[in-house]
Amino acid sequence: MPLHLSITLTSLALTGSVFEHGTDWHLLAAGIWFLVLTALATMYAVSFLRTEVYTLWEKCLYLPTYLLGRLLWRVCFVNEPPAEITSGALLVANHRSSVDPFFVQLAAGRRVHWMVAKEYCNHALFGPLLRLLQVIPTNRSGMDTAATKAAIRITQDKRLVGMFPEGRINTSTDVLLPIRGGAALVSLRAGVPIIPLWIEGSPYRSPAVWSPIIMPARVRITFGQPIHPTLTTPDTEVPPKTTTPDLPASSSSTAPSSTAEAQADSDRIILSWGQQVASLAGLDCFPVRLARVRARRSTNSNPS
């Protein structure tokens, strides 16, 4: 029985809309649904606690997430995860809700390290919890070398790092916002694959960031094909059906530097990720775009 339907029926019972034979029936109905929900929660909790991929402390941290994912958000997986998820990799997903990291954590089945803005890591309330979750503090203003090095070190240690290339929650009607190439840069430097994930049905009610915590949903997660880092060769082309902001005509006549080549490689990889996610969403012709800050860096690295 879906959680939101159980809650609805219980509410109706308590208000007298379903049963008309006295409060005893009301209490009985509410009690039955409560027992059903308790039994389901207990079953999922026992199943989770018996897993061996988490330490005891991690089980305590992730158990609430697991129960919410199974009972409130009803997360299901469309396909099996690729084999690369058992080793060092980047889990890179679209971003529609503040609770999307919970869904990626469920998809991974083991600890995922997230890049989180430093202001949250220093917050009096959230900071201690985020440190327990071993997040990677990062600057919002631009490329954070320390955060990038930390992500490289973690993935090379055969662990997982989660990233959202859109950089913020997508509240538009587009399948993706313009994307940034940070995940591709980490992939190239660490020599680990990107595993695309398409998250569909994430709960969100603007502008309350915490509203999804109490919102029922039916979330579907689809794994894409891993994207392994490869360097540009003379025959390599940026995948079609993507658009990038126009660069000055003079930049094409400038010999590419090593920095420009590395940037071209990361752009190609992240655009490939965007194409694959759009395809998983059923929108093969969606024009994946790079973020403007990325375009400005491309311009600055190729002066006229």
Protein backbone atom coordinates (compact mmCIF):
# COMPACT_ATOMS: atom_id res chain seq x y z
CA MET A 1 0.00 0.00 0.00
CA PRO A 2 1.57 3.37 -1.02
CA LEU A 3 2.37 5.58 1.93
CA HIS A 4 0.45 8.62 0.71
CA LEU A 5 -2.70 6.51 0.14
CA SER A 6 -2.39 5.02 3.61
CA ILE A 7 -2.09 8.47 5.13
CA THR A 8 -5.09 9.72 3.12
CA LEU A 9 -7.31 6.80 4.19
CA THR A 10 -6.25 7.21 7.80
CA SER A 11 -7.11 10.90 7.69
CA LEU A 12 -10.50 10.15 6.19
CA ALA A 13 -11.18 7.57 8.85
CA LEU A 14 -10.31 9.94 11.64
CA THR A 15 -12.58 12.69 10.29
CA GLY A 16 -15.52 10.34 9.89
CA SER A 17 -15.63 10.50 6.08
CA VAL A 18 -15.26 6.74 5.61
CA PHE A 19 -16.87 5.10 8.63
CA GLU A 20 -20.14 6.25 10.08
CA HIS A 21 -20.57 3.89 13.00
CA GLY A 22 -18.79 5.63 15.83
CA THR A 23 -15.32 6.47 16.95
CA ASP A 24 -14.42 2.82 17.61
CA TRP A 25 -14.31 2.14 13.88
CA HIS A 26 -12.27 5.27 13.35
CA LEU A 27 -9.69 4.22 15.88
CA LEU A 28 -9.60 0.68 14.52
CA ALA A 29 -8.95 1.89 10.97
CA ALA A 30 -6.22 4.26 12.11
CA GLY A 31 -4.65 1.53 14.21
CA ILE A 32 -4.60 -0.95 11.32
CA TRP A 33 -2.88 1.47 8.97
CA PHE A 34 -0.40 2.43 11.66
CA LEU A 35 0.46 -1.23 12.21
CA VAL A 36 0.89 -1.77 8.46
CA LEU A 37 3.25 1.19 8.16
CA THR A 38 5.17 0.12 11.25
CA ALA A 39 5.56 -3.39 9.86
CA LEU A 40 6.83 -2.06 6.53
CA ALA A 41 9.26 0.30 8.23
CA THR A 42 10.54 -2.49 10.46
CA MET A 43 10.98 -4.83 7.49
CA TYR A 44 12.96 -2.24 5.51
CA ALA A 45 15.02 -1.28 8.58
CA VAL A 46 16.00 -4.88 9.32
CA SER A 47 16.88 -5.47 5.66
CA PHE A 48 19.05 -2.35 5.61
CA LEU A 49 20.79 -3.05 8.91
CA ARG A 50 21.75 -6.54 7.74
CA THR A 51 23.73 -5.18 4.77
CA GLU A 52 27.50 -5.41 5.02
CA VAL A 53 28.55 -2.49 2.80
CA TYR A 54 28.05 0.11 5.55
CA THR A 55 29.73 0.44 8.92
CA LEU A 56 27.51 0.54 12.00
CA TRP A 57 27.85 4.33 12.20
CA GLU A 58 26.97 4.71 8.51
CA LYS A 59 23.90 2.53 9.00
CA CYS A 60 22.73 4.86 11.77
CA LEU A 61 23.27 7.88 9.50
CA TYR A 62 21.63 6.46 6.39
CA LEU A 63 18.72 4.50 7.93
CA PRO A 64 16.32 7.52 7.95
CA THR A 65 17.21 8.20 4.31
CA TYR A 66 16.61 4.59 3.40
CA LEU A 67 13.20 4.49 5.09
CA LEU A 68 12.10 7.77 3.52
CA GLY A 69 13.27 6.58 0.12
CA ARG A 70 11.36 3.32 0.34
CA LEU A 71 8.18 4.44 2.11
CA LEU A 72 7.62 8.13 1.29
CA TRP A 73 9.38 8.64 -2.05
CA ARG A 74 8.95 5.02 -3.28
CA VAL A 75 12.25 4.97 -5.15
CA CYS A 76 12.57 2.30 -7.83
CA PHE A 77 15.32 1.49 -10.33
CA VAL A 78 14.53 1.07 -14.00
CA ASN A 79 17.66 -0.95 -14.74
CA GLU A 80 20.66 -2.52 -13.02
CA PRO A 81 23.66 -0.35 -12.10
CA PRO A 82 26.81 -0.84 -14.21
CA ALA A 83 29.72 -2.83 -12.82
CA GLU A 84 31.81 0.35 -12.53
CA ILE A 85 29.73 1.43 -9.53
CA THR A 86 31.60 -1.07 -7.35
CA SER A 87 34.90 0.78 -7.86
CA GLY A 88 36.04 4.40 -8.01
CA ALA A 89 33.62 6.49 -10.07
CA LEU A 90 31.66 9.72 -10.32
CA LEU A 91 27.86 9.47 -9.98
CA VAL A 92 26.57 12.39 -12.03
CA ALA A 93 22.84 13.15 -12.11
CA ASN A 94 20.29 15.77 -13.05
CA HIS A 95 19.08 17.96 -10.19
CA ARG A 96 15.39 18.63 -9.54
CA SER A 97 15.10 18.51 -5.75
CA SER A 98 17.04 19.17 -2.57
CA VAL A 99 16.72 15.46 -1.70
CA ASP A 100 18.29 14.19 -4.94
CA PRO A 101 21.49 13.19 -3.07
CA PHE A 102 19.38 10.73 -1.07
CA PHE A 103 18.29 9.03 -4.29
CA VAL A 104 21.85 8.80 -5.59
CA GLN A 105 22.90 7.32 -2.24
CA LEU A 106 20.20 4.65 -2.60
CA ALA A 107 21.32 3.96 -6.16
CA ALA A 108 24.95 3.55 -5.10
CA GLY A 109 24.30 1.18 -2.21
CA ARG A 110 27.40 2.51 -0.44
CA ARG A 111 28.77 5.83 0.81
CA VAL A 112 28.78 8.69 -1.69
CA HIS A 113 30.92 11.78 -1.02
CA TRP A 114 29.32 15.05 -2.12
CA MET A 115 30.75 18.45 -2.96
CA VAL A 116 28.91 20.91 -0.70
CA ALA A 117 29.17 24.71 -0.54
CA LYS A 118 31.49 25.81 2.27
CA GLU A 119 28.86 28.04 3.88
CA TYR A 120 26.79 24.94 4.69
CA CYS A 121 29.82 23.08 6.01
CA ASN A 122 30.51 25.98 8.40
CA HIS A 123 26.87 26.27 9.47
CA ALA A 124 26.28 25.80 13.21
CA LEU A 125 23.40 23.37 12.63
CA PHE A 126 24.29 21.55 9.40
CA GLY A 127 28.08 21.65 9.66
CA PRO A 128 28.57 18.81 12.19
CA LEU A 129 26.23 16.48 10.26
CA LEU A 130 27.90 17.25 6.93
CA ARG A 131 31.32 16.55 8.42
CA LEU A 132 30.03 13.19 9.68
CA LEU A 133 28.90 12.46 6.11
CA GLN A 134 32.43 13.30 4.88
CA VAL A 135 31.36 15.85 2.29
CA ILE A 136 33.86 17.85 0.24
CA PRO A 137 33.63 21.61 1.01
CA THR A 138 33.81 23.72 -2.12
CA ASN A 139 33.52 27.34 -3.22
CA ARG A 140 30.52 28.46 -5.27
CA SER A 141 32.44 31.27 -6.99
CA GLY A 142 34.46 29.09 -9.36
CA MET A 143 36.93 26.24 -9.68
CA ASP A 144 38.05 25.06 -6.24
CA THR A 145 41.44 23.36 -6.57
CA ALA A 146 41.37 21.85 -3.07
CA ALA A 147 37.91 20.36 -3.63
CA THR A 148 38.93 19.01 -7.02
CA LYS A 149 42.03 17.36 -5.55
CA ALA A 150 39.93 15.84 -2.76
CA ALA A 151 37.46 14.38 -5.29
CA ILE A 152 40.35 12.97 -7.34
CA ARG A 153 41.92 11.37 -4.25
CA ILE A 154 38.60 9.82 -3.15
CA THR A 155 37.76 8.30 -6.53
CA GLN A 156 41.29 6.97 -7.00
CA ASP A 157 40.80 5.26 -3.64
CA LYS A 158 37.95 3.27 -5.29
CA ARG A 159 35.24 5.31 -3.61
CA LEU A 160 32.32 7.28 -5.07
CA VAL A 161 31.81 11.02 -5.52
CA GLY A 162 28.42 12.51 -6.44
CA MET A 163 28.07 15.67 -8.54
CA PHE A 164 25.32 17.75 -10.20
CA PRO A 165 26.71 19.52 -13.31
CA GLU A 166 23.75 21.91 -13.38
CA GLY A 167 25.12 23.49 -10.20
CA ARG A 168 21.69 24.23 -8.71
CA ILE A 169 18.14 22.88 -8.57
CA ASN A 170 16.47 22.97 -11.98
CA THR A 171 13.03 24.59 -11.57
CA SER A 172 12.60 25.27 -15.29
CA THR A 173 10.69 23.21 -17.85
CA ASP A 174 13.93 22.20 -19.60
CA VAL A 175 15.29 18.72 -18.97
CA LEU A 176 18.69 20.24 -18.08
CA LEU A 177 20.08 23.64 -17.22
CA PRO A 178 23.38 24.71 -18.83
CA ILE A 179 26.02 22.39 -17.41
CA ARG A 180 29.52 22.83 -15.98
CA GLY A 181 32.49 20.60 -16.68
CA GLY A 182 33.83 20.01 -13.15
CA ALA A 183 32.79 16.35 -13.09
CA ALA A 184 34.51 15.72 -16.43
CA LEU A 185 37.69 17.42 -15.18
CA VAL A 186 37.80 15.14 -12.12
CA SER A 187 37.13 12.12 -14.34
CA LEU A 188 40.03 12.99 -16.63
CA ARG A 189 42.52 13.71 -13.87
CA ALA A 190 41.55 10.72 -11.72
CA GLY A 191 41.16 8.32 -14.63
CA VAL A 192 37.75 7.13 -13.39
CA PRO A 193 34.44 6.84 -15.28
CA ILE A 194 31.34 9.00 -15.02
CA ILE A 195 28.14 7.04 -14.36
CA PRO A 196 25.12 9.03 -15.62
CA LEU A 197 21.86 8.88 -13.68
CA TRP A 198 18.47 10.17 -14.76
CA ILE A 199 16.25 10.96 -11.74
CA GLU A 200 12.55 11.28 -12.55
CA GLY A 201 9.74 12.27 -10.20
CA SER A 202 11.78 14.04 -7.50
CA PRO A 203 9.53 15.85 -5.00
CA TYR A 204 9.87 19.62 -5.01
CA ARG A 205 7.75 22.58 -4.00
CA SER A 206 9.34 25.97 -4.54
CA PRO A 207 10.62 27.95 -2.70
CA ALA A 208 10.82 25.75 0.42
CA VAL A 209 14.03 23.73 0.13
CA TRP A 210 12.96 21.38 2.93
CA SER A 211 9.44 20.75 1.59
CA PRO A 212 10.41 17.44 -0.15
CA ILE A 213 11.09 15.87 3.28
CA ILE A 214 7.32 15.60 3.84
CA MET A 215 6.17 15.21 0.21
CA PRO A 216 5.18 11.76 -1.12
CA ALA A 217 6.53 10.92 -4.56
CA ARG A 218 7.24 8.09 -6.97
CA VAL A 219 10.89 8.41 -7.99
CA ARG A 220 12.40 6.44 -10.87
CA ILE A 221 16.16 6.20 -11.37
CA THR A 222 17.74 5.08 -14.63
CA PHE A 223 21.45 4.30 -14.97
CA GLY A 224 23.21 5.34 -18.16
CA GLN A 225 26.25 3.83 -19.80
CA PRO A 226 29.54 4.72 -18.05
CA ILE A 227 31.59 7.40 -19.78
CA HIS A 228 35.28 6.57 -19.55
CA PRO A 229 37.77 9.45 -19.76
CA THR A 230 39.66 9.65 -23.06
CA LEU A 231 41.90 12.35 -24.41
CA THR A 232 41.23 14.20 -27.63
CA THR A 233 42.66 12.71 -30.82
CA PRO A 234 42.73 14.35 -34.29
CA ASP A 235 39.58 12.39 -35.22
CA THR A 236 37.65 13.22 -32.04
CA GLU A 237 34.64 15.48 -32.47
CA VAL A 238 32.23 17.01 -30.00
CA PRO A 239 29.05 14.90 -30.07
CA PRO A 240 26.26 16.30 -32.28
CA LYS A 241 23.00 17.82 -31.07
CA THR A 242 24.78 20.02 -28.54
CA THR A 243 25.18 23.76 -28.52
CA THR A 244 27.90 25.87 -26.96
CA PRO A 245 28.04 29.66 -26.64
CA ASP A 246 29.72 31.37 -29.59
CA LEU A 247 33.39 32.24 -29.26
CA PRO A 248 35.18 35.08 -31.05
CA ALA A 249 36.22 34.19 -34.59
CA SER A 250 39.85 35.00 -33.81
CA SER A 251 40.04 32.19 -31.23
CA SER A 252 39.91 29.51 -33.94
CA SER A 253 43.18 30.69 -35.44
CA THR A 254 45.08 30.36 -32.18
CA ALA A 255 47.09 27.18 -31.55
CA PRO A 256 45.51 25.27 -28.66
CA SER A 257 47.46 25.23 -25.41
CA SER A 258 47.57 22.26 -23.06
CA THR A 259 45.02 24.05 -20.85
CA ALA A 260 42.72 24.58 -23.83
CA GLU A 261 43.06 20.93 -24.86
CA ALA A 262 42.22 19.73 -21.35
CA GLN A 263 39.22 22.04 -21.31
CA ALA A 264 38.09 20.74 -24.71
CA ASP A 265 38.33 17.18 -23.41
CA SER A 266 36.28 17.96 -20.30
CA ASP A 267 33.70 19.85 -22.38
CA ARG A 268 33.37 16.89 -24.73
CA ILE A 269 32.88 14.45 -21.85
CA ILE A 270 30.33 16.56 -19.98
CA LEU A 271 28.40 17.23 -23.18
CA SER A 272 28.34 13.48 -23.77
CA TRP A 273 26.90 13.08 -20.27
CA GLY A 274 24.24 15.70 -21.00
CA GLN A 275 23.27 13.98 -24.26
CA GLN A 276 22.93 10.66 -22.53
CA VAL A 277 20.78 12.06 -19.72
CA ALA A 278 18.52 13.83 -22.25
CA SER A 279 18.21 10.54 -24.12
CA LEU A 280 17.27 8.70 -20.91
CA ALA A 281 14.58 11.35 -20.42
CA GLY A 282 13.25 10.58 -23.91
CA LEU A 283 14.44 13.87 -25.43
CA ASP A 284 17.19 12.86 -27.87
CA CYS A 285 17.09 16.21 -29.67
CA PHE A 286 17.39 18.40 -26.57
CA PRO A 287 20.18 20.99 -27.11
CA VAL A 288 22.62 20.44 -24.25
CA ARG A 289 24.45 23.66 -23.43
CA LEU A 290 27.55 24.60 -21.47
CA ALA A 291 27.22 27.16 -18.70
CA ARG A 292 28.23 30.70 -19.63
CA VAL A 293 31.02 30.83 -17.04
CA ARG A 294 32.53 27.89 -18.92
CA ALA A 295 32.28 29.82 -22.17
CA ARG A 296 34.04 32.84 -20.67
CA ARG A 297 36.91 30.64 -19.54
CA SER A 298 37.15 29.18 -23.05
CA THR A 299 37.39 32.70 -24.44
CA ASN A 300 40.02 33.78 -21.91
CA SER A 301 42.19 30.71 -22.60
CA ASN A 302 42.33 31.58 -26.33
CA PRO A 303 43.14 35.33 -26.49
CA SER A 304 42.92 37.00 -29.88
